[in-house]
Amino acid sequence: MMNRALLMTLAFAASLLAMPCVPMCRAQAVPAPGSRTLMDAHNCYPYFEWWYDRIDRALSAGTPLAIEQDLGWYTNPKTGKSWSVVTHGDPMNGEEPVMEHYFFDRVRPIVEKALKEGNHGNWPLITLNLDFKDDNPQHLAAVLALLRKYQPWLTTAAKSDDMATVQPLDVKPILVLTGENDTQQRVFYDELNPGDRVLLFGAIHTEDKDPQAPPEVLAPEKASNYRRWWNNPWRVVEAAGQQHAGEWTPEKMKRLEALVDRAHANGLWIRFYTLDGAAEAELSCHGWFHGYNFGSLAAARTRWRAAIAAHADYLASDQYELVGKEVRSAAAK
């Protein structure tokens, strides 16, 4: 049986052969599944008046990286005016930041510098992961309009007549990912005209499945022109979840590798969330959630290193700086 490294090499070679004839430097710029692991900054936005520095902390970990923004649709009860805000959810009061200012304004110097200097093989520099707290079509349309304003910054693909036909990516400094909801697909893909640029890419359907099912049951879908990634809670690897995970074992590593291999064989990027290891006081101080906590930095670091070794594409954590350091250290070896 061929080993995992050889299988990944053959799969990547096949993906290059399937692309239209383009210069080799352009082919190398495509972020093929399994080609790199990125620190994914979980819940990278303030809660009420606290933790406005999260995006600065994330960017301090260095690029390339991923940044998650949760979005809610706020309606002013007095005026009836509605707009998208960056928030973990209700209650909302309209004072929450908007993504244009909190995210796009903050990354502007990075993106404009990258566009001036050109792609050195590290684009997309930033994956923007959008977690919609509702799927109101008005909300989705408003976000799509915002993304069109920044289209020159975004990695895109042409809409194909058949969604199963995967078009090549025109790689730019930012890649935008979104969820698996079918309403999102309708607004962000189905309602586009053939040849229009697809500005963000959805996840495959896995929400209602048994997290401990075999990888081929969890992820029967291959990548399509719209759905290009697979988003997973950590319990798909360790059934008891972070708080009751216990020891890391060879069997768990095999499960992790099998999930990652399945994603990459189907042409999908794969993300795991959220892997933290902190004391109780640190959780409270930083606004991190107990359910994502392994209880110690050592336990979390073991999983970080396992996910990197397995070639997971996105490794979500609230400990941006530490995970970023692990990713850079592994890439330098």
Protein backbone atom coordinates (compact mmCIF):
# COMPACT_ATOMS: atom_id res chain seq x y z
CA MET A 1 0.00 0.00 0.00
CA MET A 2 1.33 3.44 -0.90
CA ASN A 3 2.19 5.67 2.06
CA ARG A 4 0.35 8.94 2.82
CA ALA A 5 3.11 11.21 1.52
CA LEU A 6 3.14 9.45 -1.87
CA LEU A 7 -0.65 9.54 -2.11
CA MET A 8 -0.68 13.28 -1.38
CA THR A 9 2.03 13.89 -3.99
CA LEU A 10 0.10 11.95 -6.64
CA ALA A 11 -3.17 13.73 -5.77
CA PHE A 12 -1.55 17.16 -6.04
CA ALA A 13 0.10 16.23 -9.34
CA ALA A 14 -3.27 15.10 -10.70
CA SER A 15 -4.86 18.39 -9.66
CA LEU A 16 -2.19 20.33 -11.55
CA LEU A 17 -2.70 18.25 -14.68
CA ALA A 18 -6.44 18.95 -14.52
CA MET A 19 -5.90 22.72 -14.56
CA PRO A 20 -6.00 24.82 -17.70
CA CYS A 21 -2.58 25.51 -19.19
CA VAL A 22 -1.13 28.35 -17.12
CA PRO A 23 2.40 29.41 -16.22
CA MET A 24 3.98 27.21 -13.56
CA CYS A 25 4.36 30.11 -11.14
CA ARG A 26 0.57 30.56 -11.23
CA ALA A 27 -0.08 26.83 -10.68
CA GLN A 28 2.17 26.86 -7.63
CA ALA A 29 0.14 29.72 -6.16
CA VAL A 30 -3.02 27.63 -5.85
CA PRO A 31 -3.52 26.70 -2.17
CA ALA A 32 -4.00 22.99 -2.82
CA PRO A 33 -5.60 20.99 0.02
CA GLY A 34 -2.86 19.68 2.28
CA SER A 35 -0.21 22.11 1.06
CA ARG A 36 -0.08 24.13 4.29
CA THR A 37 -1.61 24.42 7.76
CA LEU A 38 -2.88 27.82 8.86
CA MET A 39 -3.58 29.14 12.32
CA ASP A 40 -7.30 30.00 12.31
CA ALA A 41 -8.14 32.83 14.73
CA HIS A 42 -11.40 31.67 16.33
CA ASN A 43 -14.03 34.32 17.21
CA CYS A 44 -11.66 37.07 16.13
CA TYR A 45 -13.79 40.06 17.12
CA PRO A 46 -14.82 41.90 20.32
CA TYR A 47 -17.58 40.86 22.69
CA PHE A 48 -19.47 44.03 23.60
CA GLU A 49 -16.77 46.48 24.80
CA TRP A 50 -14.16 43.81 25.50
CA TRP A 51 -11.29 42.32 23.49
CA TYR A 52 -11.13 44.74 20.59
CA ASP A 53 -7.49 43.73 20.14
CA ARG A 54 -8.28 40.23 18.87
CA ILE A 55 -7.63 41.04 15.21
CA ASP A 56 -4.36 42.73 16.14
CA ARG A 57 -3.35 39.67 18.15
CA ALA A 58 -4.19 37.42 15.21
CA LEU A 59 -2.24 39.47 12.69
CA SER A 60 0.74 39.63 15.06
CA ALA A 61 1.02 35.85 14.65
CA GLY A 62 2.04 36.44 11.03
CA THR A 63 0.64 35.59 7.61
CA PRO A 64 -0.62 33.41 6.08
CA LEU A 65 -3.42 32.85 8.57
CA ALA A 66 -7.21 32.55 8.84
CA ILE A 67 -9.53 34.95 10.68
CA GLU A 68 -13.08 34.07 11.73
CA GLN A 69 -15.77 36.75 11.77
CA ASP A 70 -19.25 35.95 13.12
CA LEU A 71 -21.98 38.06 11.56
CA GLY A 72 -25.44 39.01 12.81
CA TRP A 73 -28.24 41.02 11.17
CA TYR A 74 -29.23 43.91 13.43
CA THR A 75 -32.47 45.87 12.94
CA ASN A 76 -32.89 49.20 14.71
CA PRO A 77 -36.30 48.99 16.44
CA LYS A 78 -36.89 52.74 16.03
CA THR A 79 -35.91 53.28 12.41
CA GLY A 80 -36.37 49.78 10.98
CA LYS A 81 -32.95 50.07 9.31
CA SER A 82 -30.92 46.84 9.25
CA TRP A 83 -27.23 46.15 8.79
CA SER A 84 -24.63 43.42 9.33
CA VAL A 85 -22.56 43.51 12.52
CA VAL A 86 -19.67 41.47 13.82
CA THR A 87 -21.04 39.63 16.86
CA HIS A 88 -21.33 36.27 18.54
CA GLY A 89 -25.11 36.68 18.57
CA ASP A 90 -27.94 38.12 20.63
CA PRO A 91 -28.32 40.47 22.34
CA MET A 92 -27.28 43.03 19.73
CA ASN A 93 -27.64 46.79 20.21
CA GLY A 94 -26.30 48.25 16.97
CA GLU A 95 -23.07 49.43 18.59
CA GLU A 96 -21.18 46.36 17.41
CA PRO A 97 -18.42 46.88 14.82
CA VAL A 98 -19.13 46.30 11.15
CA MET A 99 -16.88 44.02 9.14
CA GLU A 100 -15.76 46.73 6.72
CA HIS A 101 -14.13 48.72 9.52
CA TYR A 102 -13.10 45.96 11.91
CA PHE A 103 -11.68 43.61 9.28
CA PHE A 104 -11.16 45.24 5.87
CA ASP A 105 -9.80 48.55 7.15
CA ARG A 106 -7.42 46.70 9.47
CA VAL A 107 -5.99 44.41 6.79
CA ARG A 108 -5.80 47.10 4.09
CA PRO A 109 -2.06 47.85 4.58
CA ILE A 110 -1.24 44.14 4.37
CA VAL A 111 -3.32 43.58 1.25
CA GLU A 112 -2.19 46.70 -0.59
CA LYS A 113 1.46 45.88 0.14
CA ALA A 114 0.93 42.32 -1.12
CA LEU A 115 -0.75 43.50 -4.33
CA LYS A 116 2.13 45.90 -4.98
CA GLU A 117 4.81 43.27 -4.36
CA GLY A 118 3.04 40.38 -6.12
CA ASN A 119 2.46 36.78 -5.15
CA HIS A 120 5.54 35.06 -3.78
CA GLY A 121 3.75 31.74 -3.45
CA ASN A 122 2.13 32.54 -0.11
CA TRP A 123 -1.27 33.83 -1.27
CA PRO A 124 -3.96 33.84 -0.02
CA LEU A 125 -2.34 35.61 2.91
CA ILE A 126 -5.62 35.75 4.84
CA THR A 127 -8.55 33.33 4.80
CA LEU A 128 -11.66 35.17 5.99
CA ASN A 129 -14.01 32.62 7.55
CA LEU A 130 -17.58 33.95 7.81
CA ASP A 131 -19.87 32.37 10.41
CA PHE A 132 -23.37 33.74 9.82
CA LYS A 133 -25.59 33.70 12.90
CA ASP A 134 -28.63 33.84 10.64
CA ASP A 135 -29.30 33.14 6.98
CA ASN A 136 -31.60 36.05 6.25
CA PRO A 137 -31.32 36.59 2.47
CA GLN A 138 -31.13 40.36 3.03
CA HIS A 139 -28.16 39.85 5.31
CA LEU A 140 -26.42 37.56 2.83
CA ALA A 141 -27.04 40.01 -0.01
CA ALA A 142 -25.62 42.89 2.04
CA VAL A 143 -22.44 40.93 2.75
CA LEU A 144 -22.12 39.96 -0.91
CA ALA A 145 -22.38 43.64 -1.86
CA LEU A 146 -19.60 44.45 0.61
CA LEU A 147 -17.39 41.70 -0.82
CA ARG A 148 -17.96 43.03 -4.35
CA LYS A 149 -16.55 46.35 -3.17
CA TYR A 150 -13.33 44.52 -2.24
CA GLN A 151 -13.36 42.07 -5.15
CA PRO A 152 -9.85 43.04 -6.39
CA TRP A 153 -8.52 41.75 -3.05
CA LEU A 154 -10.38 38.42 -3.20
CA THR A 155 -9.58 34.97 -4.52
CA THR A 156 -12.34 34.12 -7.00
CA ALA A 157 -13.48 31.57 -9.57
CA ALA A 158 -15.79 31.83 -12.56
CA LYS A 159 -19.28 30.43 -12.09
CA SER A 160 -19.69 27.34 -14.26
CA ASP A 161 -22.87 26.08 -15.94
CA ASP A 162 -22.53 22.90 -13.85
CA MET A 163 -21.48 23.40 -10.21
CA ALA A 164 -19.70 20.04 -10.32
CA THR A 165 -17.21 21.54 -12.79
CA VAL A 166 -14.52 23.06 -10.57
CA GLN A 167 -13.06 26.20 -12.10
CA PRO A 168 -9.49 27.32 -11.32
CA LEU A 169 -8.99 29.96 -8.66
CA ASP A 170 -7.73 33.41 -9.50
CA VAL A 171 -5.63 33.76 -6.35
CA LYS A 172 -5.50 37.10 -4.54
CA PRO A 173 -4.42 38.05 -0.98
CA ILE A 174 -7.78 37.13 0.64
CA LEU A 175 -9.82 33.92 0.36
CA VAL A 176 -13.38 34.02 1.79
CA LEU A 177 -15.08 30.90 3.15
CA THR A 178 -18.64 30.55 4.42
CA GLY A 179 -20.93 27.82 5.80
CA GLU A 180 -22.94 24.91 4.44
CA ASN A 181 -26.45 26.41 4.50
CA ASP A 182 -28.32 26.10 1.19
CA THR A 183 -29.66 29.65 1.42
CA GLN A 184 -26.06 30.84 1.35
CA GLN A 185 -25.45 28.76 -1.78
CA ARG A 186 -28.48 30.32 -3.45
CA VAL A 187 -27.36 33.90 -2.78
CA PHE A 188 -23.63 33.45 -3.17
CA TYR A 189 -23.66 31.06 -6.15
CA ASP A 190 -26.97 29.95 -7.70
CA GLU A 191 -28.24 33.47 -8.40
CA LEU A 192 -25.02 34.48 -10.17
CA ASN A 193 -24.91 34.46 -13.96
CA PRO A 194 -22.60 32.00 -15.73
CA GLY A 195 -19.17 33.58 -15.95
CA ASP A 196 -19.72 35.85 -12.92
CA ARG A 197 -17.01 35.66 -10.28
CA VAL A 198 -17.68 33.51 -7.23
CA LEU A 199 -16.44 35.58 -4.29
CA LEU A 200 -16.80 33.13 -1.40
CA PHE A 201 -16.88 29.38 -1.07
CA GLY A 202 -19.17 27.17 1.00
CA ALA A 203 -18.59 24.07 3.11
CA ILE A 204 -19.89 20.59 2.32
CA HIS A 205 -22.97 19.31 4.19
CA THR A 206 -22.09 17.53 7.45
CA GLU A 207 -24.08 19.33 10.15
CA ASP A 208 -26.59 16.59 11.06
CA LYS A 209 -24.29 13.57 10.77
CA ASP A 210 -22.87 11.34 13.50
CA PRO A 211 -19.47 12.92 14.25
CA GLN A 212 -17.94 9.47 14.80
CA ALA A 213 -19.15 8.05 11.47
CA PRO A 214 -16.50 6.79 9.03
CA PRO A 215 -14.89 9.57 7.00
CA GLU A 216 -16.55 8.41 3.79
CA VAL A 217 -19.97 8.69 5.47
CA LEU A 218 -19.23 12.09 6.99
CA ALA A 219 -17.87 13.49 3.75
CA PRO A 220 -19.27 11.79 0.63
CA GLU A 221 -19.15 15.07 -1.33
CA LYS A 222 -16.26 15.98 -3.57
CA ALA A 223 -15.26 19.60 -4.01
CA SER A 224 -17.54 21.56 -6.33
CA ASN A 225 -17.14 24.97 -7.86
CA TYR A 226 -18.85 26.47 -4.80
CA ARG A 227 -18.33 23.98 -1.96
CA ARG A 228 -14.59 23.65 -1.42
CA TRP A 229 -14.02 22.91 2.28
CA TRP A 230 -15.06 20.76 5.25
CA ASN A 231 -15.64 22.29 8.69
CA ASN A 232 -15.39 20.03 11.75
CA PRO A 233 -15.80 20.24 15.52
CA TRP A 234 -13.00 18.38 17.30
CA ARG A 235 -15.39 15.66 18.44
CA VAL A 236 -15.09 14.07 15.00
CA VAL A 237 -11.61 13.11 16.18
CA GLU A 238 -12.15 12.58 19.93
CA ALA A 239 -15.76 11.62 20.65
CA ALA A 240 -15.69 12.94 24.23
CA GLY A 241 -14.74 16.42 23.08
CA GLN A 242 -12.07 18.71 24.44
CA GLN A 243 -13.07 18.70 28.11
CA HIS A 244 -13.02 14.90 28.44
CA ALA A 245 -10.57 13.96 25.73
CA GLY A 246 -8.11 12.04 27.88
CA GLU A 247 -4.77 10.89 26.51
CA TRP A 248 -3.77 11.31 22.90
CA THR A 249 -3.33 7.83 21.40
CA PRO A 250 -2.13 6.26 18.12
CA GLU A 251 -5.74 5.30 17.37
CA LYS A 252 -6.82 8.94 17.63
CA MET A 253 -3.98 9.96 15.35
CA LYS A 254 -5.14 7.41 12.77
CA ARG A 255 -8.67 8.82 12.98
CA LEU A 256 -7.35 12.35 12.46
CA GLU A 257 -5.25 11.26 9.49
CA ALA A 258 -8.18 9.40 7.95
CA LEU A 259 -10.39 12.49 8.12
CA VAL A 260 -7.72 14.73 6.61
CA ASP A 261 -6.92 12.17 3.89
CA ARG A 262 -10.62 11.91 2.99
CA ALA A 263 -10.93 15.68 2.65
CA HIS A 264 -7.85 16.00 0.48
CA ALA A 265 -8.82 13.03 -1.71
CA ASN A 266 -12.12 14.85 -2.37
CA GLY A 267 -10.29 18.09 -3.20
CA LEU A 268 -11.40 19.84 0.01
CA TRP A 269 -9.63 21.98 2.56
CA ILE A 270 -10.39 20.77 6.10
CA ARG A 271 -10.79 22.78 9.31
CA PHE A 272 -10.96 21.65 12.94
CA TYR A 273 -12.29 23.84 15.77
CA THR A 274 -11.54 24.91 18.50
CA LEU A 275 -8.39 23.68 20.26
CA ASP A 276 -7.52 25.56 23.47
CA GLY A 277 -5.44 24.67 26.50
CA ALA A 278 -5.64 27.14 29.37
CA ALA A 279 -6.24 27.51 33.10
CA GLU A 280 -9.68 28.61 34.32
CA ALA A 281 -8.48 32.11 35.17
CA GLU A 282 -7.06 32.54 31.67
CA LEU A 283 -10.37 31.46 30.10
CA SER A 284 -12.27 34.08 32.07
CA CYS A 285 -9.70 36.80 31.42
CA HIS A 286 -9.78 36.34 27.66
CA GLY A 287 -13.43 35.40 27.09
CA TRP A 288 -12.67 31.86 25.90
CA PHE A 289 -15.20 29.03 26.20
CA HIS A 290 -14.91 26.08 28.58
CA GLY A 291 -16.21 23.62 26.00
CA TYR A 292 -13.18 24.14 23.78
CA ASN A 293 -10.61 23.73 26.56
CA PHE A 294 -8.43 20.63 26.96
CA GLY A 295 -7.49 21.83 30.45
CA SER A 296 -3.78 22.33 29.91
CA LEU A 297 -1.46 23.89 27.38
CA ALA A 298 0.43 20.61 27.05
CA ALA A 299 -2.72 18.70 26.07
CA ALA A 300 -3.70 21.32 23.49
CA ARG A 301 -0.18 21.55 22.08
CA THR A 302 -0.15 17.77 21.51
CA ARG A 303 -3.29 18.14 19.35
CA TRP A 304 -1.92 21.20 17.53
CA ARG A 305 1.17 19.26 16.55
CA ALA A 306 -0.89 16.24 15.55
CA ALA A 307 -3.13 18.35 13.29
CA ILE A 308 -0.09 19.99 11.68
CA ALA A 309 1.58 16.61 11.16
CA ALA A 310 -1.62 15.28 9.55
CA HIS A 311 -1.65 18.28 7.14
CA ALA A 312 -4.95 19.76 8.33
CA ASP A 313 -5.52 23.01 6.44
CA TYR A 314 -7.07 25.16 9.18
CA LEU A 315 -6.40 24.78 12.90
CA ALA A 316 -8.78 26.97 14.91
CA SER A 317 -7.88 28.18 18.39
CA ASP A 318 -8.29 31.19 20.65
CA GLN A 319 -4.56 31.05 21.45
CA TYR A 320 -3.55 32.77 18.23
CA GLU A 321 0.05 33.56 19.07
CA LEU A 322 0.93 30.10 20.38
CA VAL A 323 -0.67 28.21 17.50
CA GLY A 324 0.92 30.59 15.02
CA LYS A 325 4.30 29.83 16.55
CA GLU A 326 3.69 26.07 16.26
CA VAL A 327 2.68 26.41 12.60
CA ARG A 328 5.73 28.53 11.74
CA SER A 329 8.05 26.18 13.61
CA ALA A 330 6.71 23.15 11.71
CA ALA A 331 6.94 24.95 8.36
CA ALA A 332 10.57 25.85 9.02
CA LYS A 333 11.64 22.22 9.50
